[in-house]
Amino acid sequence: MSTRQVIHQFNGKMTYNGQRIYIDKATLESAGFKPGTKFQTITDPSEHTVEFLVDAEGSNTVSKKTKKNGCIPVIDRQGKDIREALEDCDQIKVTFVQDRVIIEGMKQTAKVRSQAKSESNQLRTITFCAGAGISSECMKKAGFEEVAAVEWNPKEGSEDKFSDIYLENHPESVMFNIPMQQLKASDLPHAEVWLATLDCSDFSKASNGTKKQYHTMHLFMHLMRIFWEKPIHERPLAILIENVTEFEKVAGISLELCFKEEGYHVSKAKLNSLDYGSRTKRERFFMVASVYPGFLFPEKSGVKQTSIAEAGIISPDELEWVSPEESGTLRYFLERESKGISHNHHMTVFDVTKDAYLGTITKNHFKIQPENWIKHPTEENKYAYLKGEQIRALHQIDKQYYLGNSNKMVVECIGQSVCTQSFTAIAEALFTFLYKQNLNQMN
């Protein structure tokens, strides 16, 4: 028994306004549908299927008329039962088997997922490139339930460094400590939301011309591969993506097109963390692709005006003050700054008694490439270098959230994570949006 399959688009067919599909006559005859053959039609609207079965007692007859182009119609959607079975389907799969033709209507992911009757308001998440889990913690605080995470970073050497810290804080989740290219969709549990905070370093390199080896730029392609591997009814209701602004040109546009092809509604924004009350400056690209239309990013809450010290975040008394004579690293950067020499990480000096925020905090502090030194409010030649727990306070990360047992690890975990203020605002907006949509579906 031979089986052949062919996929057809309903869209763009000119004949009968797209209601009729033509199939090669020889192909149809190979399945037993020769001119004059009797057959019956069986439709199942619930499964969006139409079956043509060779049957001597059937009420239909294959036309004996010869078409100039050698084709005969297989589907005529003017028929009420066929039209009902294939209603709202964007594509059809035609399978030719001995003595029958099986037609299966296929809808876009968004149609299937948004039309499904919600049985509960449960909103579960899976995080890709979860790091130490700070983004997952933001999602949980917004109301989501994290069920799984993927974390593997080939640049770190110890591939379980961040995944171990993640599990300390999220023991109820399943951790996939494997490269995304080895991950299969069938491995992942069901979740209504996928969060992708993909490694950003390669996109930064691509924008600034840095000639370094790329390690993780391909991850966005594997995100879509895993998405497409999932059966349509198991795909997420929404996908939230966060990355550096350069991500949009390299990967964001491609992802947007892919999600729109699946019927998703896409919202994009470049947001500065300072506009959401953060004490550290960080501009990031965000994308939300949802089966429901109408998601809006949260309104800006405003830049903080009170100084860091006045707000009780960091006191000058808790910092370790040093002079250039006492710190070779400090002296090195100050000398380069005075000469106007640039380097990988531009050093900026702040006064916590006057300034309301600092520049970007990154994980590269431990590599002796600091970006932020604190200037003493009264002593001209004294500076302090931020440590992990002070950075934690700036990012408003709960003291109970485990970030490793060394200053180096605390700084790294925070540096490779999202900015909690802006990200929490987005997570809360997304949870409220999806919760209301699910509630409408239930009602």
Protein backbone atom coordinates (compact mmCIF):
# COMPACT_ATOMS: atom_id res chain seq x y z
CA MET A 1 0.00 0.00 0.00
CA SER A 2 1.51 3.31 -1.06
CA THR A 3 0.96 6.57 0.79
CA ARG A 4 1.64 10.09 -0.47
CA GLN A 5 1.13 13.40 1.27
CA VAL A 6 0.93 16.94 -0.05
CA ILE A 7 0.27 20.22 1.78
CA HIS A 8 -1.84 22.92 0.14
CA GLN A 9 -2.56 26.50 1.10
CA PHE A 10 -6.15 27.66 0.84
CA ASN A 11 -4.88 31.24 0.62
CA GLY A 12 -4.01 32.55 -2.82
CA LYS A 13 -6.03 30.03 -4.85
CA MET A 14 -7.83 31.99 -7.57
CA THR A 15 -10.29 29.31 -8.72
CA TYR A 16 -13.69 29.74 -7.09
CA ASN A 17 -12.25 32.36 -4.73
CA GLY A 18 -10.04 29.80 -3.06
CA GLN A 19 -12.85 27.32 -2.39
CA ARG A 20 -11.68 24.63 -4.81
CA ILE A 21 -8.37 22.74 -4.80
CA TYR A 22 -7.11 20.93 -7.90
CA ILE A 23 -4.92 17.83 -7.76
CA ASP A 24 -3.08 16.10 -10.58
CA LYS A 25 -5.38 13.56 -12.24
CA ALA A 26 -2.75 10.82 -12.38
CA THR A 27 -2.05 11.21 -8.67
CA LEU A 28 -5.73 10.87 -7.84
CA GLU A 29 -6.17 7.86 -10.12
CA SER A 30 -3.30 6.13 -8.34
CA ALA A 31 -5.52 6.11 -5.25
CA GLY A 32 -8.33 4.45 -7.23
CA PHE A 33 -10.34 7.52 -8.21
CA LYS A 34 -10.65 6.93 -11.95
CA PRO A 35 -13.31 8.62 -14.08
CA GLY A 36 -16.72 7.11 -13.33
CA THR A 37 -15.64 5.59 -9.97
CA LYS A 38 -18.26 5.68 -7.23
CA PHE A 39 -17.21 7.09 -3.85
CA GLN A 40 -18.63 8.41 -0.60
CA THR A 41 -17.62 11.47 1.44
CA ILE A 42 -17.18 11.33 5.23
CA THR A 43 -16.62 14.56 7.18
CA ASP A 44 -15.71 15.20 10.81
CA PRO A 45 -15.93 18.89 11.77
CA SER A 46 -14.48 18.24 15.23
CA GLU A 47 -11.26 16.85 13.73
CA HIS A 48 -11.37 19.06 10.60
CA THR A 49 -11.16 16.05 8.31
CA VAL A 50 -12.76 15.05 5.03
CA GLU A 51 -12.40 11.54 3.64
CA PHE A 52 -13.19 10.42 0.11
CA LEU A 53 -13.57 6.63 0.02
CA VAL A 54 -13.97 4.45 -3.08
CA ASP A 55 -17.32 2.71 -2.61
CA ALA A 56 -19.46 1.01 -5.23
CA GLU A 57 -22.54 2.14 -3.27
CA GLY A 58 -21.33 5.69 -2.84
CA SER A 59 -23.54 8.62 -3.80
CA ASN A 60 -20.77 10.51 -5.64
CA THR A 61 -19.10 9.80 -8.99
CA VAL A 62 -15.71 10.93 -10.28
CA SER A 63 -16.30 13.12 -13.33
CA LYS A 64 -15.61 11.59 -16.74
CA LYS A 65 -14.89 14.98 -18.24
CA THR A 66 -11.32 15.56 -19.35
CA LYS A 67 -9.64 18.80 -18.25
CA LYS A 68 -7.13 20.43 -20.55
CA ASN A 69 -4.57 20.70 -17.79
CA GLY A 70 -4.98 17.08 -16.73
CA CYS A 71 -6.36 18.04 -13.30
CA ILE A 72 -9.64 17.29 -11.59
CA PRO A 73 -11.09 18.90 -8.43
CA VAL A 74 -10.52 17.12 -5.14
CA ILE A 75 -12.16 19.55 -2.76
CA ASP A 76 -15.06 21.86 -3.37
CA ARG A 77 -15.63 23.87 -0.22
CA GLN A 78 -19.00 25.05 -1.47
CA GLY A 79 -20.44 21.82 -0.09
CA LYS A 80 -21.91 22.57 3.34
CA ASP A 81 -20.50 19.53 5.17
CA ILE A 82 -17.01 20.04 3.70
CA ARG A 83 -17.14 23.75 4.39
CA GLU A 84 -18.03 23.12 8.04
CA ALA A 85 -15.25 20.56 8.44
CA LEU A 86 -12.59 22.86 7.02
CA GLU A 87 -13.87 26.16 8.39
CA ASP A 88 -11.11 28.63 9.40
CA CYS A 89 -8.38 26.22 8.29
CA ASP A 90 -5.40 27.95 6.69
CA GLN A 91 -3.82 24.86 5.18
CA ILE A 92 -4.89 21.37 4.24
CA LYS A 93 -2.93 18.14 4.26
CA VAL A 94 -3.98 15.75 1.51
CA THR A 95 -3.00 12.12 2.01
CA PHE A 96 -3.43 9.63 -0.83
CA VAL A 97 -3.88 6.04 0.28
CA GLN A 98 -5.13 3.06 -1.69
CA ASP A 99 -8.87 3.56 -2.38
CA ARG A 100 -9.14 6.78 -0.37
CA VAL A 101 -8.11 10.42 -0.11
CA ILE A 102 -7.88 11.91 3.40
CA ILE A 103 -7.96 15.68 3.81
CA GLU A 104 -7.00 17.24 7.14
CA GLY A 105 -7.55 20.93 7.74
CA MET A 106 -4.86 22.75 9.69
CA LYS A 107 -5.20 26.04 11.55
CA GLN A 108 -2.57 28.52 12.68
CA THR A 109 -1.26 27.97 16.19
CA ALA A 110 -2.92 31.13 17.46
CA LYS A 111 -6.35 30.03 16.22
CA VAL A 112 -6.07 26.60 17.82
CA ARG A 113 -4.78 27.89 21.15
CA SER A 114 -7.06 30.92 21.47
CA GLN A 115 -10.20 28.93 20.57
CA ALA A 116 -9.46 26.15 23.04
CA LYS A 117 -11.75 26.27 26.05
CA SER A 118 -9.74 27.19 29.15
CA GLU A 119 -10.42 24.88 32.07
CA SER A 120 -8.42 26.87 34.61
CA ASN A 121 -6.43 30.08 35.02
CA GLN A 122 -3.22 28.17 35.65
CA LEU A 123 -0.32 29.92 33.93
CA ARG A 124 2.89 27.90 33.89
CA THR A 125 6.26 28.97 32.53
CA ILE A 126 9.41 27.46 31.04
CA THR A 127 12.55 29.64 30.99
CA PHE A 128 15.22 29.23 28.32
CA CYS A 129 18.73 30.41 29.32
CA ALA A 130 17.48 30.75 32.88
CA GLY A 131 20.85 31.62 34.41
CA ALA A 132 20.58 31.77 38.19
CA GLY A 133 16.80 32.06 37.90
CA ILE A 134 16.31 35.75 38.72
CA SER A 135 13.99 36.21 35.73
CA SER A 136 12.06 33.10 36.82
CA GLU A 137 11.72 34.59 40.30
CA CYS A 138 10.23 37.75 38.78
CA MET A 139 7.71 35.63 36.88
CA LYS A 140 6.78 33.72 40.02
CA LYS A 141 6.24 36.94 41.97
CA ALA A 142 3.93 38.11 39.18
CA GLY A 143 1.80 34.97 39.66
CA PHE A 144 3.23 32.43 37.20
CA GLU A 145 4.25 28.90 38.15
CA GLU A 146 7.67 27.84 36.85
CA VAL A 147 7.68 24.17 35.80
CA ALA A 148 10.98 23.85 33.92
CA ALA A 149 14.11 25.70 32.87
CA VAL A 150 16.96 25.26 30.41
CA GLU A 151 20.43 26.46 31.33
CA TRP A 152 23.72 25.70 29.59
CA ASN A 153 26.47 28.18 28.82
CA PRO A 154 29.47 26.80 26.90
CA LYS A 155 31.55 29.91 27.65
CA GLU A 156 31.51 29.40 31.41
CA GLY A 157 33.54 26.20 31.57
CA SER A 158 31.46 24.87 34.45
CA GLU A 159 28.17 24.32 32.64
CA ASP A 160 26.24 23.59 35.83
CA LYS A 161 27.40 26.73 37.65
CA PHE A 162 24.21 28.72 37.19
CA SER A 163 21.87 25.72 36.95
CA ASP A 164 22.91 24.59 40.45
CA ILE A 165 22.11 28.03 41.84
CA TYR A 166 18.80 28.02 39.96
CA LEU A 167 17.79 24.73 41.59
CA GLU A 168 18.66 26.04 45.05
CA ASN A 169 15.97 28.68 44.54
CA HIS A 170 13.52 26.72 42.38
CA PRO A 171 13.64 23.09 43.59
CA GLU A 172 10.12 22.42 42.27
CA SER A 173 11.21 23.02 38.64
CA VAL A 174 12.76 20.55 36.22
CA MET A 175 16.23 21.70 35.15
CA PHE A 176 17.50 20.78 31.68
CA ASN A 177 21.23 21.31 32.03
CA ILE A 178 21.89 20.48 28.37
CA PRO A 179 22.55 22.58 25.23
CA MET A 180 19.36 23.78 23.54
CA GLN A 181 20.43 22.13 20.28
CA GLN A 182 20.15 18.76 22.05
CA LEU A 183 16.76 19.56 23.56
CA LYS A 184 13.63 18.03 22.04
CA ALA A 185 10.16 19.51 22.32
CA SER A 186 8.87 16.21 23.67
CA ASP A 187 11.27 16.57 26.63
CA LEU A 188 9.52 19.69 27.89
CA PRO A 189 6.38 19.71 30.04
CA HIS A 190 3.40 21.79 28.97
CA ALA A 191 3.52 25.48 29.81
CA GLU A 192 1.31 28.38 28.83
CA VAL A 193 4.24 30.82 28.64
CA TRP A 194 7.78 30.47 27.37
CA LEU A 195 10.37 32.95 28.61
CA ALA A 196 13.54 33.33 26.54
CA THR A 197 16.32 35.41 28.11
CA LEU A 198 18.83 34.11 25.57
CA ASP A 199 22.53 34.76 26.04
CA CYS A 200 23.20 38.30 24.79
CA SER A 201 26.98 38.47 24.41
CA ASP A 202 27.10 37.34 20.78
CA PHE A 203 24.57 39.97 19.72
CA SER A 204 26.64 42.66 21.39
CA LYS A 205 29.69 41.41 19.51
CA ALA A 206 27.81 41.44 16.22
CA SER A 207 26.89 45.10 16.66
CA ASN A 208 30.26 46.47 17.79
CA GLY A 209 32.44 44.58 15.35
CA THR A 210 34.30 42.62 18.00
CA LYS A 211 36.24 39.83 16.30
CA LYS A 212 35.54 37.01 18.69
CA GLN A 213 34.15 33.53 18.33
CA TYR A 214 30.38 33.27 18.53
CA HIS A 215 29.02 30.63 20.91
CA THR A 216 25.33 31.20 21.43
CA MET A 217 23.91 33.29 18.56
CA HIS A 218 22.16 30.21 17.15
CA LEU A 219 19.95 29.75 20.21
CA PHE A 220 17.04 31.75 18.82
CA MET A 221 16.85 29.30 15.91
CA HIS A 222 16.60 26.38 18.32
CA LEU A 223 13.87 28.21 20.21
CA MET A 224 11.78 28.22 17.01
CA ARG A 225 12.73 24.61 16.23
CA ILE A 226 11.45 23.47 19.61
CA PHE A 227 8.33 25.61 19.12
CA TRP A 228 7.57 23.98 15.76
CA GLU A 229 8.26 20.50 17.12
CA LYS A 230 5.51 20.97 19.69
CA PRO A 231 2.02 19.86 18.55
CA ILE A 232 -0.07 22.94 17.79
CA HIS A 233 -2.42 22.43 20.74
CA GLU A 234 0.57 22.23 23.13
CA ARG A 235 2.33 25.40 22.02
CA PRO A 236 2.47 28.32 24.47
CA LEU A 237 -0.17 31.02 24.71
CA ALA A 238 2.60 33.60 24.86
CA ILE A 239 6.36 33.90 24.40
CA LEU A 240 8.28 36.63 26.24
CA ILE A 241 11.73 37.48 24.90
CA GLU A 242 14.32 39.77 26.53
CA ASN A 243 17.73 40.71 25.16
CA VAL A 244 20.11 43.54 24.32
CA THR A 245 18.80 46.10 21.84
CA GLU A 246 21.06 44.73 19.08
CA PHE A 247 19.13 41.45 19.26
CA GLU A 248 16.24 42.91 17.27
CA LYS A 249 18.20 43.37 14.03
CA VAL A 250 19.94 40.00 14.15
CA ALA A 251 17.20 37.73 15.48
CA GLY A 252 14.18 39.75 16.57
CA ILE A 253 12.89 40.47 13.06
CA SER A 254 13.13 36.79 12.09
CA LEU A 255 11.33 35.66 15.23
CA GLU A 256 8.60 38.25 14.72
CA LEU A 257 7.94 36.98 11.18
CA CYS A 258 7.87 33.36 12.38
CA PHE A 259 5.37 34.07 15.15
CA LYS A 260 3.16 36.17 12.87
CA GLU A 261 3.06 33.30 10.39
CA GLU A 262 1.65 31.20 13.22
CA GLY A 263 -1.04 33.83 13.81
CA TYR A 264 0.49 35.31 16.97
CA HIS A 265 0.09 38.98 17.81
CA VAL A 266 3.49 40.60 18.40
CA SER A 267 4.29 43.56 20.64
CA LYS A 268 7.83 45.01 20.81
CA ALA A 269 9.53 47.67 22.89
CA LYS A 270 12.94 49.01 23.87
CA LEU A 271 12.70 49.92 27.52
CA ASN A 272 15.13 51.63 29.86
CA SER A 273 15.15 50.19 33.37
CA LEU A 274 15.48 53.70 34.84
CA ASP A 275 11.94 54.47 33.68
CA TYR A 276 10.68 51.71 35.97
CA GLY A 277 12.37 52.79 39.17
CA SER A 278 15.64 50.90 38.80
CA ARG A 279 18.82 52.26 40.37
CA THR A 280 20.94 50.88 37.52
CA LYS A 281 20.71 51.90 33.87
CA ARG A 282 19.93 49.14 31.40
CA GLU A 283 18.15 49.43 28.05
CA ARG A 284 16.76 46.18 26.68
CA PHE A 285 14.67 44.85 23.79
CA PHE A 286 11.44 43.06 24.72
CA MET A 287 9.04 41.07 22.57
CA VAL A 288 5.75 39.46 23.53
CA ALA A 289 4.12 37.12 21.00
CA SER A 290 0.64 36.09 22.14
CA VAL A 291 -2.27 34.18 20.64
CA TYR A 292 -4.46 36.98 22.01
CA PRO A 293 -4.35 40.52 20.61
CA GLY A 294 -3.98 43.61 22.72
CA PHE A 295 -0.97 43.12 25.03
CA LEU A 296 0.51 46.44 26.13
CA PHE A 297 3.81 46.99 27.88
CA PRO A 298 3.45 48.67 31.29
CA GLU A 299 3.42 52.43 31.65
CA LYS A 300 6.62 54.04 32.88
CA SER A 301 6.70 54.68 36.59
CA GLY A 302 9.34 57.41 36.39
CA VAL A 303 13.04 57.85 37.08
CA LYS A 304 13.98 57.96 40.76
CA GLN A 305 15.15 61.36 41.96
CA THR A 306 16.30 60.68 45.52
CA SER A 307 19.94 59.73 45.94
CA ILE A 308 21.01 56.14 46.56
CA ALA A 309 22.13 56.96 50.08
CA GLU A 310 19.02 58.99 50.89
CA ALA A 311 16.84 56.07 49.78
CA GLY A 312 18.71 53.82 52.22
CA ILE A 313 20.10 51.51 49.54
CA ILE A 314 23.83 52.03 50.06
CA SER A 315 25.45 54.08 52.82
CA PRO A 316 28.93 55.59 52.41
CA ASP A 317 29.82 54.05 55.78
CA GLU A 318 29.51 50.47 54.47
CA LEU A 319 31.89 50.94 51.53
CA GLU A 320 35.61 50.16 51.58
CA TRP A 321 37.40 53.35 50.51
CA VAL A 322 40.78 53.16 48.77
CA SER A 323 43.11 55.58 47.01
CA PRO A 324 44.87 55.08 43.63
CA GLU A 325 48.08 54.51 45.58
CA GLU A 326 46.44 51.59 47.38
CA SER A 327 44.75 49.99 44.33
CA GLY A 328 46.60 49.27 41.11
CA THR A 329 43.32 48.55 39.32
CA LEU A 330 41.88 51.91 40.33
CA ARG A 331 45.09 53.68 39.33
CA TYR A 332 45.13 51.91 35.96
CA PHE A 333 41.61 52.99 35.04
CA LEU A 334 41.99 56.56 36.29
CA GLU A 335 45.18 57.02 34.26
CA ARG A 336 43.51 55.70 31.11
CA GLU A 337 40.50 57.92 31.71
CA SER A 338 42.71 61.00 32.12
CA LYS A 339 44.42 60.25 28.79
CA GLY A 340 41.12 59.71 26.99
CA ILE A 341 42.02 56.10 26.24
CA SER A 342 39.06 53.80 25.75
CA HIS A 343 38.88 50.22 26.92
CA ASN A 344 36.33 47.41 26.96
CA HIS A 345 34.51 48.70 30.03
CA HIS A 346 34.28 52.44 30.49
CA MET A 347 34.79 53.40 34.12
CA THR A 348 32.26 55.84 35.53
CA VAL A 349 32.48 57.48 38.95
CA PHE A 350 29.42 58.16 41.11
CA ASP A 351 28.61 59.82 44.41
CA VAL A 352 25.93 57.81 46.24
CA THR A 353 25.02 60.85 48.34
CA LYS A 354 24.03 62.80 45.22
CA ASP A 355 23.29 60.36 42.38
CA ALA A 356 19.98 58.48 42.09
CA TYR A 357 21.35 55.65 39.95
CA LEU A 358 24.50 54.01 38.61
CA GLY A 359 25.50 52.85 35.15
CA THR A 360 25.05 49.29 33.93
CA ILE A 361 26.25 46.57 36.31
CA THR A 362 27.69 43.60 34.45
CA LYS A 363 29.18 40.27 35.39
CA ASN A 364 32.62 41.40 34.23
CA HIS A 365 33.48 43.02 37.56
CA PHE A 366 35.22 39.86 38.69
CA LYS A 367 37.55 40.10 35.65
CA ILE A 368 39.04 43.31 37.11
CA GLN A 369 37.22 45.42 34.54
CA PRO A 370 34.96 47.55 36.73
CA GLU A 371 32.43 49.95 35.26
CA ASN A 372 31.38 51.69 38.46
CA TRP A 373 33.45 53.15 41.25
CA ILE A 374 31.85 55.08 44.07
CA LYS A 375 33.38 58.47 44.74
CA HIS A 376 33.78 59.55 48.37
CA PRO A 377 31.43 62.46 49.13
CA THR A 378 34.09 64.53 50.95
CA GLU A 379 37.57 63.00 50.45
CA GLU A 380 38.89 63.89 46.99
CA ASN A 381 41.20 60.92 46.43
CA LYS A 382 39.08 58.09 47.83
CA TYR A 383 36.98 55.59 45.84
CA ALA A 384 35.07 52.41 46.59
CA TYR A 385 34.33 49.43 44.37
CA LEU A 386 30.83 47.90 44.56
CA LYS A 387 30.59 44.38 45.93
CA GLY A 388 28.01 41.72 45.31
CA GLU A 389 25.69 42.44 48.21
CA GLN A 390 25.66 46.15 47.38
CA ILE A 391 24.76 45.32 43.78
CA ARG A 392 22.02 43.04 45.12
CA ALA A 393 20.61 45.98 47.07
CA LEU A 394 20.68 48.21 43.98
CA HIS A 395 18.75 45.59 42.00
CA GLN A 396 16.33 45.00 44.88
CA ILE A 397 16.90 41.24 44.86
CA ASP A 398 15.60 39.59 48.01
CA LYS A 399 18.32 38.84 50.57
CA GLN A 400 16.97 35.31 50.91
CA TYR A 401 17.50 34.56 47.22
CA TYR A 402 20.66 32.44 46.99
CA LEU A 403 23.30 33.78 44.57
CA GLY A 404 26.30 31.65 45.41
CA ASN A 405 28.80 31.50 48.24
CA SER A 406 31.33 34.04 46.97
CA ASN A 407 31.35 37.70 46.02
CA LYS A 408 32.38 36.72 42.50
CA MET A 409 29.35 34.48 42.05
CA VAL A 410 26.91 37.04 43.45
CA VAL A 411 28.19 39.65 40.98
CA GLU A 412 28.10 37.18 38.09
CA CYS A 413 24.57 35.96 38.85
CA ILE A 414 23.22 39.49 38.95
CA GLY A 415 25.24 40.67 35.95
CA GLN A 416 23.93 37.97 33.62
CA SER A 417 20.33 38.40 34.75
CA VAL A 418 17.47 40.71 33.86
CA CYS A 419 16.85 44.03 35.55
CA THR A 420 14.27 43.10 38.16
CA GLN A 421 12.35 46.39 38.25
CA SER A 422 11.50 46.66 34.56
CA PHE A 423 11.17 42.90 34.08
CA THR A 424 8.82 42.45 37.05
CA ALA A 425 6.59 45.21 35.66
CA ILE A 426 6.39 43.40 32.31
CA ALA A 427 5.79 40.01 33.98
CA GLU A 428 2.91 41.45 36.02
CA ALA A 429 1.38 43.06 32.93
CA LEU A 430 1.61 39.77 31.02
CA PHE A 431 0.12 37.73 33.86
CA THR A 432 -2.84 40.12 34.21
CA PHE A 433 -3.38 40.11 30.44
CA LEU A 434 -3.35 36.30 30.08
CA TYR A 435 -5.37 35.74 33.26
CA LYS A 436 -8.16 37.98 31.95
CA GLN A 437 -8.09 36.28 28.55
CA ASN A 438 -8.33 32.84 30.13
CA LEU A 439 -11.14 34.01 32.39
CA ASN A 440 -13.06 35.24 29.35
CA GLN A 441 -12.54 31.85 27.70
CA MET A 442 -13.87 30.02 30.76
CA ASN A 443 -16.97 32.21 30.79
